[in-house]
């Protein structure tokens, strides 16, 4: 499954829950999605809290999936082609001069 198909599946799920409705208590606005993305990313970090080097992989996979779903949704509702954005960023990074810390 590619990014476009994953995004479509994510939209089907969100629509099935009614979260795209304006009156939804879980309204899927860019601001709300940005907050949710940050919360889920923090949950990934929480798995490593207190110097745990090897978190439970099932828990990590679940949290990474949450981050991925919010990322796909945020890109989609804001009209950003995530695949193109990632490829552009990689190209920019390949050409970037990474300075070594002194």
Protein backbone atom coordinates (compact mmCIF):
# COMPACT_ATOMS: atom_id res chain seq x y z
CA UNK A 1 0.00 0.00 0.00
CA UNK A 2 1.38 3.44 -0.88
CA UNK A 3 0.97 6.82 0.84
CA UNK A 4 -2.05 7.74 -1.26
CA UNK A 5 -3.84 4.48 -0.42
CA UNK A 6 -2.97 4.82 3.29
CA UNK A 7 -4.37 8.35 3.24
CA UNK A 8 -7.60 7.17 1.60
CA UNK A 9 -7.99 4.40 4.19
CA UNK A 10 -7.35 6.91 7.00
CA UNK A 11 -10.04 9.22 5.54
CA UNK A 12 -12.52 6.30 5.38
CA UNK A 13 -11.90 5.56 9.04
CA UNK A 14 -12.21 9.20 10.18
CA UNK A 15 -15.37 9.70 8.10
CA UNK A 16 -16.88 6.52 9.55
CA UNK A 17 -16.48 8.01 13.04
CA UNK A 18 -18.09 11.32 11.99
CA UNK A 19 -15.00 13.32 12.93
CA UNK A 20 -15.08 15.46 9.76
CA UNK A 21 -18.45 16.93 10.77
CA UNK A 22 -18.24 20.56 11.91
CA UNK A 23 -20.14 19.75 15.12
CA UNK A 24 -17.89 16.82 15.96
CA UNK A 25 -16.28 16.97 19.41
CA UNK A 26 -13.17 15.61 17.66
CA UNK A 27 -13.19 18.11 14.79
CA UNK A 28 -10.32 17.39 12.42
CA UNK A 29 -8.99 20.92 11.89
CA UNK A 30 -5.31 21.52 11.06
CA UNK A 31 -4.78 22.97 14.57
CA UNK A 32 -6.39 19.97 16.28
CA UNK A 33 -4.41 17.59 14.09
CA UNK A 34 -1.15 19.42 14.89
CA UNK A 35 -1.89 19.10 18.61
CA UNK A 36 -2.76 15.42 18.22
CA UNK A 37 0.41 14.79 16.21
CA UNK A 38 2.53 16.37 18.95
CA UNK A 39 0.73 14.38 21.66
CA UNK A 40 1.30 11.11 19.83
CA UNK A 41 4.97 11.97 19.18
CA UNK A 42 5.33 12.60 22.92
CA UNK A 43 3.86 9.16 23.55
CA UNK A 44 6.66 7.70 21.42
CA UNK A 45 9.16 9.58 23.55
CA UNK A 46 7.43 8.40 26.72
CA UNK A 47 8.28 4.81 25.77
CA UNK A 48 11.95 5.74 26.16
CA UNK A 49 11.47 7.67 29.42
CA UNK A 50 13.79 6.77 32.27
CA UNK A 51 16.53 5.53 29.96
CA UNK A 52 14.69 2.51 28.60
CA UNK A 53 16.74 1.65 25.54
CA UNK A 54 14.47 -1.10 24.27
CA UNK A 55 10.78 -0.28 24.66
CA UNK A 56 8.06 -2.81 24.03
CA UNK A 57 8.08 -3.07 20.23
CA UNK A 58 4.33 -3.61 19.95
CA UNK A 59 3.72 -0.43 21.95
CA UNK A 60 6.27 1.46 19.85
CA UNK A 61 4.68 0.23 16.62
CA UNK A 62 1.25 1.34 17.85
CA UNK A 63 2.46 4.83 18.77
CA UNK A 64 4.39 5.22 15.52
CA UNK A 65 1.23 4.23 13.64
CA UNK A 66 -0.69 6.95 15.50
CA UNK A 67 1.96 9.50 14.52
CA UNK A 68 1.83 8.31 10.91
CA UNK A 69 -1.95 8.52 10.72
CA UNK A 70 -2.06 12.06 12.10
CA UNK A 71 0.77 13.07 9.75
CA UNK A 72 -1.06 11.66 6.72
CA UNK A 73 -4.28 13.35 7.76
CA UNK A 74 -2.70 16.72 8.46
CA UNK A 75 -0.93 16.73 5.12
CA UNK A 76 -4.12 15.75 3.34
CA UNK A 77 -6.47 18.28 4.97
CA UNK A 78 -3.97 21.09 4.32
CA UNK A 79 -3.49 20.07 0.68
CA UNK A 80 0.14 19.04 1.04
CA UNK A 81 1.39 16.16 -1.11
CA UNK A 82 3.36 14.38 1.61
CA UNK A 83 5.25 12.14 -0.80
CA UNK A 84 6.41 15.17 -2.81
CA UNK A 85 7.26 17.11 0.37
CA UNK A 86 9.37 14.23 1.68
CA UNK A 87 11.21 13.81 -1.62
CA UNK A 88 11.85 17.57 -1.82
CA UNK A 89 13.16 17.60 1.76
CA UNK A 90 15.45 14.65 1.06
CA UNK A 91 16.84 16.41 -2.02
CA UNK A 92 17.40 19.57 0.01
CA UNK A 93 19.13 17.57 2.74
CA UNK A 94 21.38 15.77 0.25
CA UNK A 95 22.58 19.16 -0.92
CA UNK A 96 22.87 20.64 2.56
CA UNK A 97 26.25 21.28 4.11
CA UNK A 98 26.03 19.56 7.50
CA UNK A 99 28.48 21.23 9.84
CA UNK A 100 30.22 19.10 12.45
CA UNK A 101 29.81 20.33 16.01
CA UNK A 102 32.94 22.09 17.23
